[in-house]
């Protein structure tokens, strides 16, 4: 005769089986949909035909308006006008590219106009599965447009006409090592004027100096203004189009103005109309997750900043410097700087005022900034970002210990009076007003604060949100390993082990907490560990690690304080 299995055991077995099945389904879904997409196949060189000069996709029959800002962009803001004609492709387009390799960048420069058409970042792999494939920040081709342009416009500017200058250079390939300086010189003539465009690379850095030197051999003054601009489509960066939960990183433009240290210009803003502003010095950038490109203007100059949407669907943001004249027989110089690389807060702060604000920590930035500074300091001590997060959690817990202890003491008192609360509820089940009066009297008599137990949950929340943005925005934690299976603290746990452990510790913490008087609230509280576990399945592993360690420390502190409080209450009752 087969032994009879009780319904309770059957339910437990069924729940365990459902849990295992759900876990395996989530693992399969994660493998299929949540993994980073592989980088698209890359061309050996950025595209240089007429279609690439005017935007992504195939060339249209109609000739698009020029990228280059016209004279209305110099000086005081005026309505924009696209009047010039875009240049056609050169027959020898393949020979126009100059490749510059540094330890931190691989840059392709087009001799037609001296534009930067592609930037690779060798120190930042696309993903951990492709460590030798560098991240591609700028590129023109593969139906993508993201490039940096600069030139001289104005009455005598070489870039003001229908065709931009074709520069000469000594060679097509340059290399520079760490700590070395490299000057890539491009030359061109326009009548009696000799123009030299120089890119100065520092090995190991992401900031490039762009210098125009003009020798005026003519009889009339040479008048021009420097422009620096970035042209980009609105597509997500390659490899970041996959679905993910939670807040999404900002993709769009930003600049600093006299009224706002950090002002965003979203693609939707430029869809509605052009942007213009006058700023002394300043910078303008295109931002994406972990990386940015930016033109940094000279301090002390009143520059005209602009943004606009082109007819082909691409967007342009940039600036023009004041109009400057070079006397006959004299030499003149225009300078700017271009940054293309990671959102390294320390380096960006050195380059220009407020440029470090492109690391956008949201409305809790005032809490996130010192959190990152402390986290960075701890990382310098231990050399592991995961261990640094654990130490940060311990320090935060120590700071909040007095408040948390008071809250846990209140929870212990609530659990002590729970039997009396239950008797009152049974006695006054039909009279809610009387029940409320009796409960308030009991709280007052026993010195219990029913809201005091909420603080342990509420206190860490601002820190949790601020740390979320620290882990989400700080490129220092991109692909940072911790231990064992966690090889990227900025990505979700691939096996969901940390979220499940966190859910278990939250359940244990709930067992130590007093039972809610209201049945509906009690049911909601029982669901909290499950809801948090499901939510945290898709959060960065570093954030889950913080919450797990915080929960473990909270359980230990809660058990200690409540035992101590209950032990002290026994002599008082006697």
Protein backbone atom coordinates (compact mmCIF):
# COMPACT_ATOMS: atom_id res chain seq x y z
CA UNK A 1 0.00 0.00 0.00
CA UNK A 2 1.40 3.38 -1.08
CA UNK A 3 1.89 5.92 1.76
CA UNK A 4 -0.48 8.88 1.67
CA UNK A 5 1.18 12.27 1.05
CA UNK A 6 -0.50 15.07 2.94
CA UNK A 7 -1.92 18.03 0.95
CA UNK A 8 0.48 20.38 2.76
CA UNK A 9 3.52 18.41 1.54
CA UNK A 10 2.03 18.29 -1.96
CA UNK A 11 1.64 22.08 -1.97
CA UNK A 12 5.23 22.56 -0.83
CA UNK A 13 6.55 20.20 -3.52
CA UNK A 14 4.44 21.97 -6.14
CA UNK A 15 5.68 25.40 -5.07
CA UNK A 16 9.31 24.22 -5.16
CA UNK A 17 8.78 22.72 -8.63
CA UNK A 18 7.14 25.92 -9.86
CA UNK A 19 9.99 27.96 -8.39
CA UNK A 20 12.63 25.83 -10.13
CA UNK A 21 10.71 25.98 -13.41
CA UNK A 22 10.36 29.75 -13.15
CA UNK A 23 14.05 30.13 -12.37
CA UNK A 24 15.04 28.07 -15.42
CA UNK A 25 12.63 30.07 -17.62
CA UNK A 26 14.14 33.35 -16.44
CA UNK A 27 17.65 32.02 -17.11
CA UNK A 28 16.60 31.06 -20.64
CA UNK A 29 14.93 34.43 -21.21
CA UNK A 30 18.04 36.20 -19.95
CA UNK A 31 20.20 34.20 -22.33
CA UNK A 32 17.96 35.02 -25.31
CA UNK A 33 16.99 38.64 -24.70
CA UNK A 34 19.08 40.32 -22.00
CA UNK A 35 22.60 39.60 -23.25
CA UNK A 36 24.41 42.47 -25.01
CA UNK A 37 24.09 42.31 -28.75
CA UNK A 38 27.30 41.60 -30.66
CA UNK A 39 28.81 44.50 -32.50
CA UNK A 40 27.74 44.83 -36.09
CA UNK A 41 30.29 43.94 -38.73
CA UNK A 42 32.59 46.89 -39.19
CA UNK A 43 33.95 48.28 -42.40
CA UNK A 44 37.71 48.67 -42.65
CA UNK A 45 37.30 52.44 -43.07
CA UNK A 46 34.55 55.00 -42.48
CA UNK A 47 32.32 55.81 -45.42
CA UNK A 48 33.39 58.79 -47.53
CA UNK A 49 30.95 59.05 -50.42
CA UNK A 50 28.38 61.80 -50.86
CA UNK A 51 25.72 59.93 -48.91
CA UNK A 52 27.97 59.69 -45.88
CA UNK A 53 28.71 63.38 -46.03
CA UNK A 54 25.04 64.24 -45.87
CA UNK A 55 23.61 61.53 -43.63
CA UNK A 56 22.94 57.82 -43.12
CA UNK A 57 21.45 55.53 -45.75
CA UNK A 58 21.61 55.63 -49.51
CA UNK A 59 22.13 58.88 -51.35
CA UNK A 60 19.00 60.57 -52.58
CA UNK A 61 18.55 62.27 -55.92
CA UNK A 62 18.13 65.66 -54.29
CA UNK A 63 21.34 67.32 -53.06
CA UNK A 64 21.02 67.98 -49.30
CA UNK A 65 21.88 71.25 -47.65
CA UNK A 66 25.41 71.74 -46.38
CA UNK A 67 26.55 70.67 -42.92
CA UNK A 68 28.64 73.82 -42.54
CA UNK A 69 27.17 76.76 -40.60
CA UNK A 70 26.75 79.88 -42.74
CA UNK A 71 27.60 83.46 -41.81
CA UNK A 72 24.43 83.86 -39.73
CA UNK A 73 25.99 81.57 -37.10
CA UNK A 74 28.80 84.04 -36.40
CA UNK A 75 28.14 86.59 -33.68
CA UNK A 76 24.63 87.39 -32.46
CA UNK A 77 22.01 84.67 -33.00
CA UNK A 78 20.02 84.98 -36.24
CA UNK A 79 17.70 82.54 -38.04
CA UNK A 80 19.67 79.67 -39.56
CA UNK A 81 19.93 79.19 -43.29
CA UNK A 82 21.20 76.14 -45.20
CA UNK A 83 22.40 77.76 -48.41
CA UNK A 84 25.62 76.08 -49.44
CA UNK A 85 25.73 72.90 -51.49
CA UNK A 86 27.18 69.67 -50.08
CA UNK A 87 30.35 68.49 -51.83
CA UNK A 88 30.22 65.46 -54.08
CA UNK A 89 32.35 62.40 -53.41
CA UNK A 90 35.96 62.45 -54.56
CA UNK A 91 37.25 60.00 -57.13
CA UNK A 92 40.16 59.15 -54.81
CA UNK A 93 38.06 58.96 -51.65
CA UNK A 94 39.91 55.89 -50.36
CA UNK A 95 43.14 57.90 -50.21
CA UNK A 96 41.62 60.72 -48.18
CA UNK A 97 41.78 59.00 -44.79
CA UNK A 98 44.48 59.55 -42.17
CA UNK A 99 44.67 57.00 -39.36
CA UNK A 100 46.07 58.01 -35.96
CA UNK A 101 46.67 55.30 -33.34
CA UNK A 102 47.30 56.09 -29.66
CA UNK A 103 47.06 53.78 -26.63
CA UNK A 104 43.61 55.23 -25.85
CA UNK A 105 42.20 56.15 -29.28
CA UNK A 106 42.20 55.09 -32.88
CA UNK A 107 41.09 58.05 -35.01
CA UNK A 108 40.35 58.40 -38.74
CA UNK A 109 40.57 61.93 -40.19
CA UNK A 110 39.23 62.88 -43.60
CA UNK A 111 41.57 65.15 -45.58
CA UNK A 112 38.46 66.71 -47.12
CA UNK A 113 37.77 69.38 -44.49
CA UNK A 114 39.85 67.65 -41.82
CA UNK A 115 36.78 66.05 -40.17
CA UNK A 116 37.01 63.20 -37.65
CA UNK A 117 34.93 60.35 -39.07
CA UNK A 118 35.68 57.48 -36.72
CA UNK A 119 36.97 57.02 -33.16
CA UNK A 120 37.68 53.66 -31.54
CA UNK A 121 38.55 53.28 -27.83
CA UNK A 122 40.97 50.33 -27.43
CA UNK A 123 40.93 50.49 -23.62
CA UNK A 124 37.17 49.88 -23.58
CA UNK A 125 36.17 46.59 -25.23
CA UNK A 126 32.69 46.26 -26.70
CA UNK A 127 31.93 43.50 -24.19
CA UNK A 128 33.72 40.86 -22.15
CA UNK A 129 33.10 38.23 -24.84
CA UNK A 130 35.04 40.36 -27.38
CA UNK A 131 37.96 41.81 -25.38
CA UNK A 132 39.98 42.62 -28.52
CA UNK A 133 37.19 44.54 -30.24
CA UNK A 134 37.39 48.21 -29.18
CA UNK A 135 34.30 50.27 -28.46
CA UNK A 136 33.29 52.38 -31.44
CA UNK A 137 32.26 55.88 -30.40
CA UNK A 138 32.23 57.87 -33.67
CA UNK A 139 31.66 56.38 -37.11
CA UNK A 140 30.17 57.12 -40.52
CA UNK A 141 28.82 54.07 -42.31
CA UNK A 142 26.74 50.95 -41.60
CA UNK A 143 23.69 53.25 -41.83
CA UNK A 144 25.12 55.26 -38.94
CA UNK A 145 26.27 58.88 -38.73
CA UNK A 146 28.31 60.23 -35.82
CA UNK A 147 31.22 62.53 -36.68
CA UNK A 148 33.07 65.66 -35.56
CA UNK A 149 33.57 68.58 -37.93
CA UNK A 150 35.56 71.77 -37.72
CA UNK A 151 36.73 74.52 -40.05
CA UNK A 152 37.03 78.22 -40.80
CA UNK A 153 33.94 80.08 -41.97
CA UNK A 154 33.16 83.73 -42.58
CA UNK A 155 34.04 86.19 -45.36
CA UNK A 156 37.36 84.46 -46.17
CA UNK A 157 36.97 81.07 -44.49
CA UNK A 158 38.06 78.05 -46.51
CA UNK A 159 34.94 76.12 -45.46
CA UNK A 160 32.43 78.82 -46.43
CA UNK A 161 32.09 77.90 -50.12
CA UNK A 162 30.39 75.07 -51.92
CA UNK A 163 33.43 72.79 -51.54
CA UNK A 164 35.58 72.26 -48.49
CA UNK A 165 39.41 72.27 -48.73
CA UNK A 166 41.29 69.09 -49.54
CA UNK A 167 44.32 69.07 -47.22
CA UNK A 168 47.72 67.52 -47.85
CA UNK A 169 49.58 65.50 -45.24
CA UNK A 170 53.01 63.87 -44.94
CA UNK A 171 51.66 60.33 -44.51
CA UNK A 172 48.47 58.36 -44.00
CA UNK A 173 49.32 56.52 -40.75
CA UNK A 174 50.56 57.89 -37.43
CA UNK A 175 51.25 56.20 -34.10
CA UNK A 176 52.12 57.60 -30.68
CA UNK A 177 52.94 55.88 -27.37
CA UNK A 178 51.89 56.58 -23.78
CA UNK A 179 53.11 59.94 -22.52
CA UNK A 180 54.21 61.07 -25.99
CA UNK A 181 52.90 63.99 -28.03
CA UNK A 182 52.06 63.78 -31.72
CA UNK A 183 51.20 66.65 -34.09
CA UNK A 184 49.36 65.65 -37.27
CA UNK A 185 49.71 68.53 -39.72
CA UNK A 186 47.37 69.14 -42.67
CA UNK A 187 48.08 71.91 -45.20
CA UNK A 188 46.14 73.70 -47.92
CA UNK A 189 46.27 76.98 -49.89
CA UNK A 190 43.51 79.32 -50.98
CA UNK A 191 44.91 82.09 -53.19
CA UNK A 192 47.49 84.03 -51.20
CA UNK A 193 46.58 82.34 -47.95
CA UNK A 194 48.30 79.27 -46.53
CA UNK A 195 46.31 77.30 -43.96
CA UNK A 196 47.66 74.64 -41.63
CA UNK A 197 45.26 72.48 -39.61
CA UNK A 198 47.03 70.69 -36.77
CA UNK A 199 45.70 67.89 -34.54
CA UNK A 200 47.76 67.42 -31.37
CA UNK A 201 47.37 64.01 -29.70
CA UNK A 202 48.63 63.13 -26.23
CA UNK A 203 49.34 59.41 -25.91
CA UNK A 204 46.99 57.98 -23.30
CA UNK A 205 44.56 60.93 -23.28
CA UNK A 206 41.21 61.46 -25.01
CA UNK A 207 41.53 65.22 -25.53
CA UNK A 208 42.77 66.47 -28.91
CA UNK A 209 43.89 70.04 -29.58
CA UNK A 210 42.74 71.40 -32.94
CA UNK A 211 44.71 74.41 -34.19
CA UNK A 212 44.32 76.48 -37.36
CA UNK A 213 47.37 78.52 -38.38
CA UNK A 214 46.88 81.01 -41.20
CA UNK A 215 49.65 82.84 -43.08
CA UNK A 216 48.19 85.78 -45.00
CA UNK A 217 50.43 86.57 -47.99
CA UNK A 218 47.84 88.72 -49.70
CA UNK A 219 47.13 92.46 -49.69
CA UNK A 220 43.76 92.25 -47.85
CA UNK A 221 42.93 91.14 -44.29
CA UNK A 222 41.86 87.51 -43.87
CA UNK A 223 38.65 87.35 -41.83
CA UNK A 224 37.29 84.06 -40.48
CA UNK A 225 35.66 82.32 -37.54
CA UNK A 226 36.36 78.82 -36.25
CA UNK A 227 33.47 76.38 -35.93
CA UNK A 228 33.40 73.03 -34.16
CA UNK A 229 30.34 70.82 -34.39
CA UNK A 230 29.15 67.23 -33.96
CA UNK A 231 26.75 65.58 -36.38
CA UNK A 232 24.82 62.56 -35.20
CA UNK A 233 21.72 60.53 -35.90
CA UNK A 234 19.27 59.64 -33.11
CA UNK A 235 19.97 55.89 -33.13
CA UNK A 236 21.02 53.99 -30.03
CA UNK A 237 24.76 53.21 -29.88
CA UNK A 238 25.68 49.84 -31.41
CA UNK A 239 25.29 46.99 -28.94
CA UNK A 240 23.04 48.99 -26.57
CA UNK A 241 19.72 48.42 -28.31
CA UNK A 242 18.81 45.42 -26.14
CA UNK A 243 15.81 45.54 -23.83
CA UNK A 244 16.45 46.42 -20.18
CA UNK A 245 14.40 47.40 -17.17
CA UNK A 246 14.88 50.51 -15.06
CA UNK A 247 15.87 54.04 -16.06
CA UNK A 248 17.57 54.41 -19.43
CA UNK A 249 20.80 56.40 -19.96
CA UNK A 250 20.44 59.83 -21.51
CA UNK A 251 21.11 59.98 -25.25
CA UNK A 252 21.30 63.51 -26.61
CA UNK A 253 23.16 66.79 -26.48
CA UNK A 254 24.12 69.02 -23.56
CA UNK A 255 26.02 72.24 -22.91
CA UNK A 256 26.81 74.72 -20.18
CA UNK A 257 25.19 78.19 -20.27
CA UNK A 258 25.15 81.31 -18.06
CA UNK A 259 21.74 80.24 -16.71
CA UNK A 260 22.39 76.51 -16.31
CA UNK A 261 25.62 74.71 -15.51
CA UNK A 262 24.29 71.62 -17.27
CA UNK A 263 21.50 71.99 -19.83
CA UNK A 264 20.20 69.12 -21.93
CA UNK A 265 19.16 69.51 -25.57
CA UNK A 266 17.09 66.48 -26.44
CA UNK A 267 16.45 65.32 -29.98
CA UNK A 268 12.78 66.23 -29.50
CA UNK A 269 13.81 69.82 -28.69
CA UNK A 270 15.60 70.14 -32.03
CA UNK A 271 12.62 68.53 -33.79
CA UNK A 272 10.60 71.53 -32.65
CA UNK A 273 13.12 74.19 -33.72
CA UNK A 274 16.72 75.42 -33.76
CA UNK A 275 18.70 76.22 -30.62
CA UNK A 276 20.88 79.34 -30.23
CA UNK A 277 22.74 80.87 -27.28
CA UNK A 278 25.74 83.08 -26.51
CA UNK A 279 28.20 81.66 -23.96
CA UNK A 280 31.58 82.90 -22.79
CA UNK A 281 33.90 79.94 -23.17
CA UNK A 282 31.78 76.85 -22.63
CA UNK A 283 31.42 73.44 -24.26
CA UNK A 284 28.82 71.42 -26.16
CA UNK A 285 28.58 67.63 -26.26
CA UNK A 286 26.68 64.57 -27.38
CA UNK A 287 26.17 62.10 -24.53
CA UNK A 288 25.43 58.39 -24.36
CA UNK A 289 25.86 55.65 -21.78
CA UNK A 290 29.38 55.90 -20.28
CA UNK A 291 30.85 57.96 -23.19
CA UNK A 292 30.66 61.39 -24.80
CA UNK A 293 32.13 63.60 -27.49
CA UNK A 294 32.50 67.34 -26.89
CA UNK A 295 33.89 70.52 -28.39
CA UNK A 296 35.46 72.77 -25.76
CA UNK A 297 35.75 76.45 -26.69
CA UNK A 298 38.37 78.93 -25.50
CA UNK A 299 37.73 80.68 -22.21
CA UNK A 300 37.25 84.43 -22.39
CA UNK A 301 35.67 84.34 -25.87
CA UNK A 302 31.99 84.99 -26.51
CA UNK A 303 30.95 82.02 -28.62
CA UNK A 304 27.72 81.34 -30.51
CA UNK A 305 26.28 77.89 -29.71
CA UNK A 306 23.68 76.26 -31.90
CA UNK A 307 21.74 73.09 -32.51
CA UNK A 308 19.54 72.10 -35.44
CA UNK A 309 17.95 69.18 -37.22
CA UNK A 310 18.89 68.65 -40.86
CA UNK A 311 16.51 67.69 -43.62
CA UNK A 312 18.01 64.17 -43.78
CA UNK A 313 17.08 63.47 -40.14
CA UNK A 314 20.52 63.95 -38.58
CA UNK A 315 21.22 66.46 -35.81
CA UNK A 316 24.02 69.01 -35.48
CA UNK A 317 25.23 70.81 -32.35
CA UNK A 318 28.25 73.06 -32.22
CA UNK A 319 29.66 76.54 -31.76
CA UNK A 320 31.39 79.33 -33.68
CA UNK A 321 34.08 81.59 -32.28
CA UNK A 322 34.16 85.40 -32.75
CA UNK A 323 35.18 86.71 -36.17
CA UNK A 324 38.94 87.36 -36.25
CA UNK A 325 41.07 89.20 -38.84
CA UNK A 326 44.66 88.47 -39.90
CA UNK A 327 46.40 91.48 -41.38
CA UNK A 328 48.29 91.26 -44.71
CA UNK A 329 51.73 89.75 -44.23
CA UNK A 330 50.80 88.53 -40.75
CA UNK A 331 49.98 85.15 -39.18
CA UNK A 332 46.93 84.20 -37.14
CA UNK A 333 45.80 81.26 -35.07
CA UNK A 334 42.46 79.71 -34.02
CA UNK A 335 42.26 77.03 -31.33
CA UNK A 336 39.72 74.56 -30.03
CA UNK A 337 39.71 71.20 -28.25
CA UNK A 338 37.80 68.01 -28.96
CA UNK A 339 37.15 65.22 -26.45
CA UNK A 340 36.02 61.74 -27.48
CA UNK A 341 36.12 59.14 -24.75
CA UNK A 342 34.74 57.92 -21.43
CA UNK A 343 32.88 59.98 -18.84
CA UNK A 344 35.91 60.12 -16.57
CA UNK A 345 34.78 62.59 -13.90
CA UNK A 346 38.25 63.60 -12.72
CA UNK A 347 39.57 64.20 -16.23
CA UNK A 348 36.45 66.04 -17.40
CA UNK A 349 36.63 68.34 -14.38
CA UNK A 350 40.20 69.25 -15.35
CA UNK A 351 39.27 70.04 -18.96
CA UNK A 352 36.45 72.56 -18.47
CA UNK A 353 34.08 73.93 -15.86
CA UNK A 354 30.94 71.80 -15.44
CA UNK A 355 32.02 69.23 -18.05
CA UNK A 356 32.06 66.60 -15.27
CA UNK A 357 28.30 67.17 -14.87
CA UNK A 358 27.82 65.09 -18.03
CA UNK A 359 28.09 62.18 -15.57
CA UNK A 360 24.42 62.63 -14.76
CA UNK A 361 23.50 61.30 -11.31
CA UNK A 362 19.95 62.65 -11.39
CA UNK A 363 18.19 64.65 -8.68
CA UNK A 364 20.20 62.97 -5.90
CA UNK A 365 23.52 64.10 -7.40
CA UNK A 366 24.39 65.88 -4.12
CA UNK A 367 24.37 62.45 -2.44
CA UNK A 368 25.76 60.45 -5.36
CA UNK A 369 28.89 62.61 -5.80
CA UNK A 370 30.26 62.02 -2.26
CA UNK A 371 29.17 58.37 -2.47
CA UNK A 372 31.27 57.88 -5.59
CA UNK A 373 34.19 59.77 -4.04
CA UNK A 374 34.07 57.44 -1.02
CA UNK A 375 33.63 54.39 -3.24
CA UNK A 376 36.58 55.45 -5.38
CA UNK A 377 38.73 55.96 -2.28
CA UNK A 378 37.82 52.51 -0.96
CA UNK A 379 38.62 51.00 -4.35
CA UNK A 380 42.03 52.60 -4.17
CA UNK A 381 42.61 50.76 -0.88
CA UNK A 382 41.35 47.28 -1.82
CA UNK A 383 41.64 47.24 -5.63
CA UNK A 384 38.23 45.57 -6.15
CA UNK A 385 35.01 47.48 -6.82
CA UNK A 386 32.85 44.71 -5.32
CA UNK A 387 34.79 44.73 -2.05
CA UNK A 388 34.62 48.54 -2.12
CA UNK A 389 30.81 48.33 -2.38
CA UNK A 390 30.72 45.97 0.63
CA UNK A 391 32.90 48.32 2.68
CA UNK A 392 30.78 51.29 1.61
CA UNK A 393 27.65 49.43 2.79
CA UNK A 394 29.25 48.75 6.18
CA UNK A 395 30.24 52.42 6.57
CA UNK A 396 26.74 53.60 5.64
CA UNK A 397 25.27 51.14 8.11
CA UNK A 398 27.54 52.44 10.88
CA UNK A 399 26.49 56.03 10.18
CA UNK A 400 22.80 55.08 10.30
CA UNK A 401 23.21 52.73 13.28
CA UNK A 402 21.69 55.04 15.98
CA UNK A 403 18.57 55.76 13.94
CA UNK A 404 18.18 52.13 12.90
CA UNK A 405 18.57 50.96 16.50
CA UNK A 406 15.79 53.29 17.63
CA UNK A 407 13.57 51.91 14.87
CA UNK A 408 14.30 48.29 15.74
CA UNK A 409 13.62 49.07 19.40
CA UNK A 410 10.22 50.42 18.37
CA UNK A 411 9.59 47.25 16.36
CA UNK A 412 10.49 45.11 19.40
CA UNK A 413 7.99 47.03 21.51
CA UNK A 414 5.36 46.57 18.81
CA UNK A 415 5.94 42.84 18.84
CA UNK A 416 5.71 42.86 22.67
CA UNK A 417 2.28 44.49 22.66
CA UNK A 418 1.02 42.40 19.72
CA UNK A 419 -1.00 40.01 21.97
CA UNK A 420 -2.76 42.95 23.63
CA UNK A 421 -3.43 44.45 20.20
CA UNK A 422 -5.05 41.20 19.07
CA UNK A 423 -7.33 41.13 22.13
CA UNK A 424 -8.41 44.72 21.46
CA UNK A 425 -9.20 43.88 17.84
CA UNK A 426 -11.35 40.93 18.93
CA UNK A 427 -13.10 42.99 21.62
CA UNK A 428 -13.91 45.97 19.38
CA UNK A 429 -14.25 44.23 16.02
CA UNK A 430 -17.49 46.08 15.23
CA UNK A 431 -16.45 49.54 16.43
CA UNK A 432 -13.47 50.93 14.52
CA UNK A 433 -13.58 54.29 16.29
CA UNK A 434 -13.44 52.65 19.72
CA UNK A 435 -10.70 50.31 18.50
CA UNK A 436 -8.64 53.26 17.31
CA UNK A 437 -9.01 55.03 20.67
CA UNK A 438 -8.04 51.92 22.61
CA UNK A 439 -5.02 51.32 20.38
CA UNK A 440 -3.77 54.87 20.82
CA UNK A 441 -4.18 54.49 24.57
CA UNK A 442 -2.19 51.25 24.50
CA UNK A 443 0.58 52.88 22.47
CA UNK A 444 0.76 55.76 24.94
CA UNK A 445 0.75 53.50 27.97
CA UNK A 446 3.49 51.21 26.62
CA UNK A 447 5.56 54.01 25.04
CA UNK A 448 5.32 52.54 21.56
CA UNK A 449 5.62 54.47 18.30
CA UNK A 450 3.81 52.50 15.57
CA UNK A 451 5.60 54.44 12.81
CA UNK A 452 9.06 54.02 14.24
CA UNK A 453 9.59 50.66 12.55
CA UNK A 454 9.29 52.21 9.08
CA UNK A 455 12.65 53.95 9.29
CA UNK A 456 14.81 50.84 8.63
CA UNK A 457 13.14 50.56 5.24
CA UNK A 458 13.07 54.29 4.45
CA UNK A 459 16.56 55.35 5.58
CA UNK A 460 18.60 53.38 3.02
CA UNK A 461 16.32 54.28 0.08
CA UNK A 462 17.90 57.65 -0.90
CA UNK A 463 21.33 56.04 -0.65
CA UNK A 464 20.06 53.10 -2.70
CA UNK A 465 18.77 55.42 -5.47
CA UNK A 466 21.94 57.52 -5.45
CA UNK A 467 24.12 54.40 -5.58
CA UNK A 468 22.01 53.07 -8.45
CA UNK A 469 22.97 56.10 -10.53
CA UNK A 470 26.59 55.86 -9.38
CA UNK A 471 26.78 52.28 -10.65
CA UNK A 472 24.73 53.13 -13.74
CA UNK A 473 26.67 56.23 -14.82
CA UNK A 474 30.24 55.71 -13.62
CA UNK A 475 32.35 54.30 -16.43
CA UNK A 476 34.89 53.18 -13.83
CA UNK A 477 32.51 50.32 -12.92
CA UNK A 478 31.82 49.31 -16.53
CA UNK A 479 32.92 45.66 -16.91
CA UNK A 480 34.45 45.77 -13.41
CA UNK A 481 34.76 42.22 -11.99
CA UNK A 482 34.00 41.21 -8.40
CA UNK A 483 34.46 37.48 -7.74
CA UNK A 484 33.38 34.05 -8.94
CA UNK A 485 30.60 34.40 -11.54
CA UNK A 486 30.23 38.19 -11.18
CA UNK A 487 32.53 39.54 -13.90
CA UNK A 488 30.68 42.83 -14.48
CA UNK A 489 29.24 44.76 -11.52
CA UNK A 490 27.41 47.16 -13.86
CA UNK A 491 25.47 44.28 -15.47
CA UNK A 492 22.81 42.02 -14.02
CA UNK A 493 23.73 38.80 -12.23
CA UNK A 494 23.64 36.22 -15.07
CA UNK A 495 22.45 33.44 -12.71
CA UNK A 496 20.27 35.61 -10.40
CA UNK A 497 22.03 34.23 -7.32
CA UNK A 498 22.52 37.61 -5.63
CA UNK A 499 18.85 38.65 -6.06
CA UNK A 500 17.65 35.31 -4.66
CA UNK A 501 19.96 35.61 -1.65
CA UNK A 502 18.76 39.15 -1.14
CA UNK A 503 15.12 38.00 -1.23
CA UNK A 504 15.89 35.31 1.35
CA UNK A 505 17.49 37.81 3.75
CA UNK A 506 14.50 40.14 3.34
CA UNK A 507 12.21 37.23 4.23
CA UNK A 508 14.25 36.50 7.37
CA UNK A 509 14.10 40.18 8.29
CA UNK A 510 10.35 40.11 7.87
CA UNK A 511 10.07 37.16 10.29
CA UNK A 512 11.77 39.28 12.94
CA UNK A 513 9.36 42.17 12.39
CA UNK A 514 6.02 42.44 14.26
CA UNK A 515 2.89 41.24 12.48
CA UNK A 516 0.83 44.05 10.99
CA UNK A 517 -2.55 44.60 12.61
CA UNK A 518 -4.37 45.09 9.33
CA UNK A 519 -4.68 41.80 7.36
CA UNK A 520 -4.30 43.57 4.01
CA UNK A 521 -1.08 45.27 5.13
CA UNK A 522 0.19 41.96 6.47
CA UNK A 523 -0.39 40.28 3.09
CA UNK A 524 1.35 43.14 1.29
CA UNK A 525 4.36 42.87 3.61
CA UNK A 526 4.59 39.13 2.93
CA UNK A 527 4.77 39.86 -0.79
CA UNK A 528 7.54 42.47 -0.40
CA UNK A 529 10.49 40.01 -0.52
CA UNK A 530 9.03 38.39 -3.65
CA UNK A 531 8.41 41.75 -5.40
CA UNK A 532 11.88 43.03 -4.53
CA UNK A 533 13.49 39.80 -5.72
CA UNK A 534 11.72 39.96 -9.10
CA UNK A 535 12.62 43.65 -9.47
CA UNK A 536 16.27 43.10 -8.54
CA UNK A 537 16.69 40.26 -11.03
CA UNK A 538 17.44 42.85 -13.71
CA UNK A 539 19.36 45.42 -11.65
CA UNK A 540 23.18 45.81 -11.82
CA UNK A 541 24.94 43.17 -9.75
CA UNK A 542 26.79 45.87 -7.81
CA UNK A 543 23.52 47.39 -6.67
CA UNK A 544 22.10 44.00 -5.64
CA UNK A 545 25.35 43.33 -3.77
CA UNK A 546 24.86 46.58 -1.83
CA UNK A 547 21.26 45.71 -0.92
CA UNK A 548 22.18 42.12 0.00
CA UNK A 549 24.96 43.21 2.37
CA UNK A 550 22.68 45.91 3.78
CA UNK A 551 19.94 43.31 4.41
CA UNK A 552 22.36 40.89 6.11
CA UNK A 553 23.66 43.64 8.39
CA UNK A 554 20.09 44.77 9.08
CA UNK A 555 19.04 41.24 10.10
CA UNK A 556 21.99 40.99 12.50
CA UNK A 557 21.35 44.44 13.98
CA UNK A 558 17.60 43.87 14.23
CA UNK A 559 18.03 40.53 15.99
CA UNK A 560 20.53 42.02 18.47
CA UNK A 561 18.50 45.17 19.27
CA UNK A 562 15.17 43.36 19.57
CA UNK A 563 16.59 40.66 21.86
CA UNK A 564 18.19 43.32 24.00
CA UNK A 565 14.97 45.38 24.13
CA UNK A 566 12.79 42.37 24.98
CA UNK A 567 15.21 41.28 27.70
CA UNK A 568 15.10 44.75 29.25
CA UNK A 569 11.31 44.78 29.15
CA UNK A 570 10.95 41.63 31.35
CA UNK A 571 12.16 43.24 34.63
CA UNK A 572 10.06 46.32 33.87
CA UNK A 573 6.89 44.19 33.58
CA UNK A 574 7.73 42.27 36.75
